[in-house]
């Protein structure tokens, strides 16, 4: 079992991964968003399951930092945060 302490520092950071999956943390300042404006997630303490190719947006409409823990199966990003090339269908 591998253990990793999460920092939830500014921005997006891949924290752990293998060939099958990965986890990343993301912190958005008030007013910041990630993704397209055609889909929003409201509320706090929610689990949001986003299917492959499903358009989505996460926007911080609050006054404090928004911290998210994201899981990708299969992995979607390189360890430096750059997107991986799209896989085959």
Foldseek 3Di string as FASTA:
>chain_A
DDDDDDDLDAAKFWTDADQFKTKIKHKDAAFDKDFDPPAEDDDPPDDDDADPPRGHMYHHNDHGIDMDMDMDTRDQADRVRHGDPDDDD
